Amino acid sequence: MVGEGAALPAGNTQAYSNQNGLIHLIPIQPTPPYVLPSDRYARAYGKNNFGQVVGGSDTGTPIRFPGVFCSSGTGIHAVLWESGQVIDLGTLNPGEGSEAYGVNDKGQIVGRSGNNAILWYKGTKTNLGPGAAFNINNQGVVIGDTFLWNNGNRTELLSLVPPGSGWTNLVAADINDQWAIAGTGTHSGKTRGFLLSPE
């Protein structure tokens, strides 16, 4: 598992993993002089089966408790934690923030940079269009907040739902290797969880 907690007594959000016991995942280095380590921000969102963990970190100037899965402000960058090291994944454009939300077993990483979804892979950054990408399966299929991206093609989620189903406002969160998609949406005026399975 990966996740977050507050550094006590009154510190910032910190990233953790339970691989080989509880591990504190460090923010992007170095920590500037006169800044307490507990004031640095880091959040872990996802991991793969090879122990790679992805998330976000401040780049040196502490940023207090940013929202979860929100457009990251300047000064937060997507990161990869691997083999005890933290790697700054950068952003699509200068002057914007980024965070990474999911990673597959091939090391393909997805997230958000500014207001656009992004795929990082082997040093290349691919803009997936507006929104955020929350996960990627081992075939490289990306699930975003309102879209599915596969091999360069972007498909809106609502177009995958049968006509007359009654579903609106779909927001996806995860996809597996069988292309089953989980998320939330509105059905009959109420917020519901959904599982969208391929035929």
C-alpha atoms as a PDB file:
ATOM      1  CA  MET A   1       0.000   0.000   0.000  1.00  0.00           C
ATOM      2  CA  VAL A   2       0.950   3.623  -0.425  1.00  0.00           C
ATOM      3  CA  GLY A   3      -0.606   6.721   1.037  1.00  0.00           C
ATOM      4  CA  GLU A   4      -0.096   9.761   3.170  1.00  0.00           C
ATOM      5  CA  GLY A   5      -0.103  11.063   6.708  1.00  0.00           C
ATOM      6  CA  ALA A   6       0.716  14.245   8.544  1.00  0.00           C
ATOM      7  CA  ALA A   7       4.102  14.687  10.162  1.00  0.00           C
ATOM      8  CA  LEU A   8       3.351  15.372  13.809  1.00  0.00           C
ATOM      9  CA  PRO A   9       2.969  17.541  15.780  1.00  0.00           C
ATOM     10  CA  ALA A  10       1.912  20.024  13.085  1.00  0.00           C
ATOM     11  CA  GLY A  11       3.778  19.137   9.928  1.00  0.00           C
ATOM     12  CA  ASN A  12       2.835  18.898   6.275  1.00  0.00           C
ATOM     13  CA  THR A  13       1.434  15.957   4.279  1.00  0.00           C
ATOM     14  CA  GLN A  14       4.016  13.149   4.013  1.00  0.00           C
ATOM     15  CA  ALA A  15       4.137  10.132   1.653  1.00  0.00           C
ATOM     16  CA  TYR A  16       4.507   6.547   2.877  1.00  0.00           C
ATOM     17  CA  SER A  17       4.748   2.979   1.567  1.00  0.00           C
ATOM     18  CA  ASN A  18       4.430  -0.287   3.487  1.00  0.00           C
ATOM     19  CA  GLN A  19       6.996  -2.181   1.413  1.00  0.00           C
ATOM     20  CA  ASN A  20       9.386  -3.999   3.779  1.00  0.00           C
ATOM     21  CA  GLY A  21       7.789  -2.215   6.727  1.00  0.00           C
ATOM     22  CA  LEU A  22       6.583   1.378   6.811  1.00  0.00           C
ATOM     23  CA  ILE A  23       8.803   3.558   4.608  1.00  0.00           C
ATOM     24  CA  HIS A  24       8.745   7.348   4.622  1.00  0.00           C
ATOM     25  CA  LEU A  25       9.045   8.509   1.004  1.00  0.00           C
ATOM     26  CA  ILE A  26      11.203  11.606   0.836  1.00  0.00           C
ATOM     27  CA  PRO A  27      10.318  14.739  -1.161  1.00  0.00           C
ATOM     28  CA  ILE A  28      12.384  16.086  -4.039  1.00  0.00           C
ATOM     29  CA  GLN A  29      15.833  16.920  -2.743  1.00  0.00           C
ATOM     30  CA  PRO A  30      17.529  18.906  -1.434  1.00  0.00           C
ATOM     31  CA  THR A  31      15.641  20.425   1.465  1.00  0.00           C
ATOM     32  CA  PRO A  32      16.494  24.134   1.533  1.00  0.00           C
ATOM     33  CA  PRO A  33      18.303  25.551   4.580  1.00  0.00           C
ATOM     34  CA  TYR A  34      16.026  26.647   7.431  1.00  0.00           C
ATOM     35  CA  VAL A  35      13.140  24.484   6.168  1.00  0.00           C
ATOM     36  CA  LEU A  36      12.091  21.708   8.513  1.00  0.00           C
ATOM     37  CA  PRO A  37      11.773  18.274   6.856  1.00  0.00           C
ATOM     38  CA  SER A  38       8.312  17.991   8.436  1.00  0.00           C
ATOM     39  CA  ASP A  39       7.246  21.107   6.497  1.00  0.00           C
ATOM     40  CA  ARG A  40       8.019  19.537   3.105  1.00  0.00           C
ATOM     41  CA  TYR A  41       5.057  18.159   1.139  1.00  0.00           C
ATOM     42  CA  ALA A  42       4.832  14.752  -0.535  1.00  0.00           C
ATOM     43  CA  ARG A  43       1.873  12.519  -1.397  1.00  0.00           C
ATOM     44  CA  ALA A  44       1.901   8.945  -2.783  1.00  0.00           C
ATOM     45  CA  TYR A  45      -0.964   7.827  -5.034  1.00  0.00           C
ATOM     46  CA  GLY A  46      -0.046   4.574  -6.775  1.00  0.00           C
ATOM     47  CA  LYS A  47       2.393   1.672  -7.094  1.00  0.00           C
ATOM     48  CA  ASN A  48       3.092  -1.257  -9.375  1.00  0.00           C
ATOM     49  CA  ASN A  49       4.143  -4.859  -8.739  1.00  0.00           C
ATOM     50  CA  PHE A  50       7.830  -3.935  -8.933  1.00  0.00           C
ATOM     51  CA  GLY A  51       7.769  -1.493  -6.035  1.00  0.00           C
ATOM     52  CA  GLN A  52       7.745   1.713  -8.076  1.00  0.00           C
ATOM     53  CA  VAL A  53       5.656   4.379  -6.323  1.00  0.00           C
ATOM     54  CA  VAL A  54       4.308   7.592  -7.884  1.00  0.00           C
ATOM     55  CA  GLY A  55       2.901  10.790  -6.466  1.00  0.00           C
ATOM     56  CA  GLY A  56       3.843  14.411  -5.992  1.00  0.00           C
ATOM     57  CA  SER A  57       6.280  16.542  -4.019  1.00  0.00           C
ATOM     58  CA  ASP A  58       7.001  20.195  -3.469  1.00  0.00           C
ATOM     59  CA  THR A  59      10.158  21.279  -5.250  1.00  0.00           C
ATOM     60  CA  GLY A  60      11.709  23.014  -2.258  1.00  0.00           C
ATOM     61  CA  THR A  61       9.286  25.682  -1.102  1.00  0.00           C
ATOM     62  CA  PRO A  62       6.787  24.064   1.281  1.00  0.00           C
ATOM     63  CA  ILE A  63       3.197  24.069   0.019  1.00  0.00           C
ATOM     64  CA  ARG A  64       0.637  23.448   2.721  1.00  0.00           C
ATOM     65  CA  PHE A  65      -1.907  20.645   2.334  1.00  0.00           C
ATOM     66  CA  PRO A  66      -2.947  20.888  -1.333  1.00  0.00           C
ATOM     67  CA  GLY A  67      -6.138  19.131  -2.336  1.00  0.00           C
ATOM     68  CA  VAL A  68      -6.146  15.470  -3.333  1.00  0.00           C
ATOM     69  CA  PHE A  69      -6.391  14.750  -7.094  1.00  0.00           C
ATOM     70  CA  CYS A  70      -6.645  18.458  -7.893  1.00  0.00           C
ATOM     71  CA  SER A  71      -4.782  20.580 -10.387  1.00  0.00           C
ATOM     72  CA  SER A  72      -1.377  21.017  -8.786  1.00  0.00           C
ATOM     73  CA  GLY A  73      -0.065  24.485  -8.171  1.00  0.00           C
ATOM     74  CA  THR A  74       3.311  25.736  -9.314  1.00  0.00           C
ATOM     75  CA  GLY A  75       5.980  24.237  -7.088  1.00  0.00           C
ATOM     76  CA  ILE A  76       4.541  20.702  -6.978  1.00  0.00           C
ATOM     77  CA  HIS A  77       6.005  18.141  -9.380  1.00  0.00           C
ATOM     78  CA  ALA A  78       5.115  14.564 -10.187  1.00  0.00           C
ATOM     79  CA  VAL A  79       7.638  12.104  -8.790  1.00  0.00           C
ATOM     80  CA  LEU A  80       8.687   8.473  -9.027  1.00  0.00           C
ATOM     81  CA  TRP A  81      10.128   6.729  -5.984  1.00  0.00           C
ATOM     82  CA  GLU A  82      12.337   3.804  -6.994  1.00  0.00           C
ATOM     83  CA  SER A  83      15.148   1.935  -5.214  1.00  0.00           C
ATOM     84  CA  GLY A  84      15.257   4.492  -2.417  1.00  0.00           C
ATOM     85  CA  GLN A  85      15.527   7.433  -4.809  1.00  0.00           C
ATOM     86  CA  VAL A  86      13.059  10.185  -5.676  1.00  0.00           C
ATOM     87  CA  ILE A  87      12.932  11.225  -9.349  1.00  0.00           C
ATOM     88  CA  ASP A  88      11.374  14.518 -10.482  1.00  0.00           C
ATOM     89  CA  LEU A  89       9.190  13.768 -13.541  1.00  0.00           C
ATOM     90  CA  GLY A  90       8.661  17.424 -14.389  1.00  0.00           C
ATOM     91  CA  THR A  91       5.749  19.094 -16.168  1.00  0.00           C
ATOM     92  CA  LEU A  92       4.373  19.519 -19.675  1.00  0.00           C
ATOM     93  CA  ASN A  93       4.933  23.268 -19.646  1.00  0.00           C
ATOM     94  CA  PRO A  94       7.066  25.663 -17.597  1.00  0.00           C
ATOM     95  CA  GLY A  95       5.343  27.351 -14.685  1.00  0.00           C
ATOM     96  CA  GLU A  96       2.728  24.692 -13.992  1.00  0.00           C
ATOM     97  CA  GLY A  97       2.458  21.941 -11.394  1.00  0.00           C
ATOM     98  CA  SER A  98       2.078  18.196 -11.882  1.00  0.00           C
ATOM     99  CA  GLU A  99       1.309  15.012  -9.947  1.00  0.00           C
ATOM    100  CA  ALA A 100       1.448  11.327 -10.909  1.00  0.00           C
ATOM    101  CA  TYR A 101      -1.485   9.076  -9.993  1.00  0.00           C
ATOM    102  CA  GLY A 102      -0.841   5.657 -11.519  1.00  0.00           C
ATOM    103  CA  VAL A 103       1.965   3.410 -12.798  1.00  0.00           C
ATOM    104  CA  ASN A 104       1.815   0.044 -14.560  1.00  0.00           C
ATOM    105  CA  ASP A 105       4.300  -2.832 -14.484  1.00  0.00           C
ATOM    106  CA  LYS A 106       6.076  -1.477 -17.582  1.00  0.00           C
ATOM    107  CA  GLY A 107       6.886   1.764 -15.744  1.00  0.00           C
ATOM    108  CA  GLN A 108       4.405   3.864 -17.726  1.00  0.00           C
ATOM    109  CA  ILE A 109       3.197   6.678 -15.457  1.00  0.00           C
ATOM    110  CA  VAL A 110       0.078   8.822 -15.749  1.00  0.00           C
ATOM    111  CA  GLY A 111      -1.236  11.892 -13.984  1.00  0.00           C
ATOM    112  CA  ARG A 112      -1.884  15.573 -14.497  1.00  0.00           C
ATOM    113  CA  SER A 113       0.243  18.542 -15.512  1.00  0.00           C
ATOM    114  CA  GLY A 114      -1.542  21.849 -15.243  1.00  0.00           C
ATOM    115  CA  ASN A 115      -5.032  21.169 -16.606  1.00  0.00           C
ATOM    116  CA  ASN A 116      -3.995  18.336 -18.924  1.00  0.00           C
ATOM    117  CA  ALA A 117      -3.647  14.588 -18.510  1.00  0.00           C
ATOM    118  CA  ILE A 118      -0.117  13.311 -19.104  1.00  0.00           C
ATOM    119  CA  LEU A 119       1.755  10.076 -19.777  1.00  0.00           C
ATOM    120  CA  TRP A 120       5.432   9.783 -18.787  1.00  0.00           C
ATOM    121  CA  TYR A 121       7.443   6.917 -20.295  1.00  0.00           C
ATOM    122  CA  LYS A 122      11.190   6.508 -20.808  1.00  0.00           C
ATOM    123  CA  GLY A 123      11.830  10.242 -20.616  1.00  0.00           C
ATOM    124  CA  THR A 124       9.007  11.189 -22.997  1.00  0.00           C
ATOM    125  CA  LYS A 125       5.984  13.250 -21.924  1.00  0.00           C
ATOM    126  CA  THR A 126       2.741  12.798 -23.879  1.00  0.00           C
ATOM    127  CA  ASN A 127      -0.116  15.271 -23.556  1.00  0.00           C
ATOM    128  CA  LEU A 128      -3.380  13.284 -23.388  1.00  0.00           C
ATOM    129  CA  GLY A 129      -5.648  16.332 -23.541  1.00  0.00           C
ATOM    130  CA  PRO A 130      -7.786  18.118 -20.954  1.00  0.00           C
ATOM    131  CA  GLY A 131      -8.382  16.498 -17.575  1.00  0.00           C
ATOM    132  CA  ALA A 132      -6.443  14.068 -15.417  1.00  0.00           C
ATOM    133  CA  ALA A 133      -5.265  10.501 -16.057  1.00  0.00           C
ATOM    134  CA  PHE A 134      -5.773   8.325 -12.976  1.00  0.00           C
ATOM    135  CA  ASN A 135      -4.402   4.929 -13.952  1.00  0.00           C
ATOM    136  CA  ILE A 136      -2.920   2.816 -16.733  1.00  0.00           C
ATOM    137  CA  ASN A 137      -3.173  -0.935 -17.213  1.00  0.00           C
ATOM    138  CA  ASN A 138      -0.386  -3.248 -18.368  1.00  0.00           C
ATOM    139  CA  GLN A 139      -1.531  -2.953 -22.004  1.00  0.00           C
ATOM    140  CA  GLY A 140      -0.914   0.800 -21.827  1.00  0.00           C
ATOM    141  CA  VAL A 141      -4.600   1.755 -21.810  1.00  0.00           C
ATOM    142  CA  VAL A 142      -5.110   4.941 -19.797  1.00  0.00           C
ATOM    143  CA  ILE A 143      -8.227   5.781 -17.820  1.00  0.00           C
ATOM    144  CA  GLY A 144      -8.823   9.465 -17.255  1.00  0.00           C
ATOM    145  CA  ASP A 145     -11.448  11.346 -15.323  1.00  0.00           C
ATOM    146  CA  THR A 146     -13.858  11.429 -18.290  1.00  0.00           C
ATOM    147  CA  PHE A 147     -12.003   9.551 -21.023  1.00  0.00           C
ATOM    148  CA  LEU A 148     -10.199   6.396 -22.110  1.00  0.00           C
ATOM    149  CA  TRP A 149      -6.940   6.742 -24.059  1.00  0.00           C
ATOM    150  CA  ASN A 150      -5.537   3.866 -26.107  1.00  0.00           C
ATOM    151  CA  ASN A 151      -2.677   4.002 -28.608  1.00  0.00           C
ATOM    152  CA  GLY A 152      -3.113   7.691 -29.328  1.00  0.00           C
ATOM    153  CA  ASN A 153      -6.905   7.612 -29.523  1.00  0.00           C
ATOM    154  CA  ARG A 154      -9.023   9.396 -26.910  1.00  0.00           C
ATOM    155  CA  THR A 155     -12.605   8.204 -26.296  1.00  0.00           C
ATOM    156  CA  GLU A 156     -15.069   9.957 -24.010  1.00  0.00           C
ATOM    157  CA  LEU A 157     -16.500   7.640 -21.346  1.00  0.00           C
ATOM    158  CA  LEU A 158     -20.134   8.534 -22.021  1.00  0.00           C
ATOM    159  CA  SER A 159     -19.755   7.249 -25.585  1.00  0.00           C
ATOM    160  CA  LEU A 160     -18.993   3.776 -24.140  1.00  0.00           C
ATOM    161  CA  VAL A 161     -22.277   3.593 -22.210  1.00  0.00           C
ATOM    162  CA  PRO A 162     -25.319   2.090 -23.984  1.00  0.00           C
ATOM    163  CA  PRO A 163     -27.868   4.718 -25.094  1.00  0.00           C
ATOM    164  CA  GLY A 164     -30.742   5.120 -22.662  1.00  0.00           C
ATOM    165  CA  SER A 165     -28.784   3.702 -19.730  1.00  0.00           C
ATOM    166  CA  GLY A 166     -29.655   6.685 -17.549  1.00  0.00           C
ATOM    167  CA  TRP A 167     -26.010   7.347 -16.613  1.00  0.00           C
ATOM    168  CA  THR A 168     -24.529  10.856 -16.710  1.00  0.00           C
ATOM    169  CA  ASN A 169     -21.557  12.694 -15.189  1.00  0.00           C
ATOM    170  CA  LEU A 170     -19.231   9.688 -15.341  1.00  0.00           C
ATOM    171  CA  VAL A 171     -15.882  10.112 -13.577  1.00  0.00           C
ATOM    172  CA  ALA A 172     -13.564   7.099 -13.825  1.00  0.00           C
ATOM    173  CA  ALA A 173     -10.935   6.142 -11.251  1.00  0.00           C
ATOM    174  CA  ASP A 174      -9.368   2.836 -12.294  1.00  0.00           C
ATOM    175  CA  ILE A 175      -8.966   0.266 -15.083  1.00  0.00           C
ATOM    176  CA  ASN A 176      -7.710  -3.325 -14.973  1.00  0.00           C
ATOM    177  CA  ASP A 177      -5.996  -5.528 -17.535  1.00  0.00           C
ATOM    178  CA  GLN A 178      -9.400  -6.783 -18.770  1.00  0.00           C
ATOM    179  CA  TRP A 179     -10.367  -3.153 -19.503  1.00  0.00           C
ATOM    180  CA  ALA A 180     -13.025  -3.071 -16.766  1.00  0.00           C
ATOM    181  CA  ILE A 181     -13.454   0.532 -15.610  1.00  0.00           C
ATOM    182  CA  ALA A 182     -14.588   1.645 -12.153  1.00  0.00           C
ATOM    183  CA  GLY A 183     -15.754   5.072 -11.092  1.00  0.00           C
ATOM    184  CA  THR A 184     -18.724   7.164 -10.040  1.00  0.00           C
ATOM    185  CA  GLY A 185     -21.564   8.818 -11.899  1.00  0.00           C
ATOM    186  CA  THR A 186     -25.146   9.998 -11.680  1.00  0.00           C
ATOM    187  CA  HIS A 187     -28.014   7.562 -12.214  1.00  0.00           C
ATOM    188  CA  SER A 188     -31.657   8.470 -11.637  1.00  0.00           C
ATOM    189  CA  GLY A 189     -30.523  11.685  -9.982  1.00  0.00           C
ATOM    190  CA  LYS A 190     -28.279   9.965  -7.430  1.00  0.00           C
ATOM    191  CA  THR A 191     -24.510   9.526  -7.233  1.00  0.00           C
ATOM    192  CA  ARG A 192     -23.617   5.865  -7.737  1.00  0.00           C
ATOM    193  CA  GLY A 193     -20.529   3.748  -8.243  1.00  0.00           C
ATOM    194  CA  PHE A 194     -20.234   2.020 -11.600  1.00  0.00           C
ATOM    195  CA  LEU A 195     -18.324  -0.858 -13.188  1.00  0.00           C
ATOM    196  CA  LEU A 196     -18.109  -0.587 -16.964  1.00  0.00           C
ATOM    197  CA  SER A 197     -17.073  -3.913 -18.488  1.00  0.00           C
ATOM    198  CA  PRO A 198     -16.211  -4.585 -22.138  1.00  0.00           C
ATOM    199  CA  GLU A 199     -18.581  -6.850 -24.035  1.00  0.00           C
END
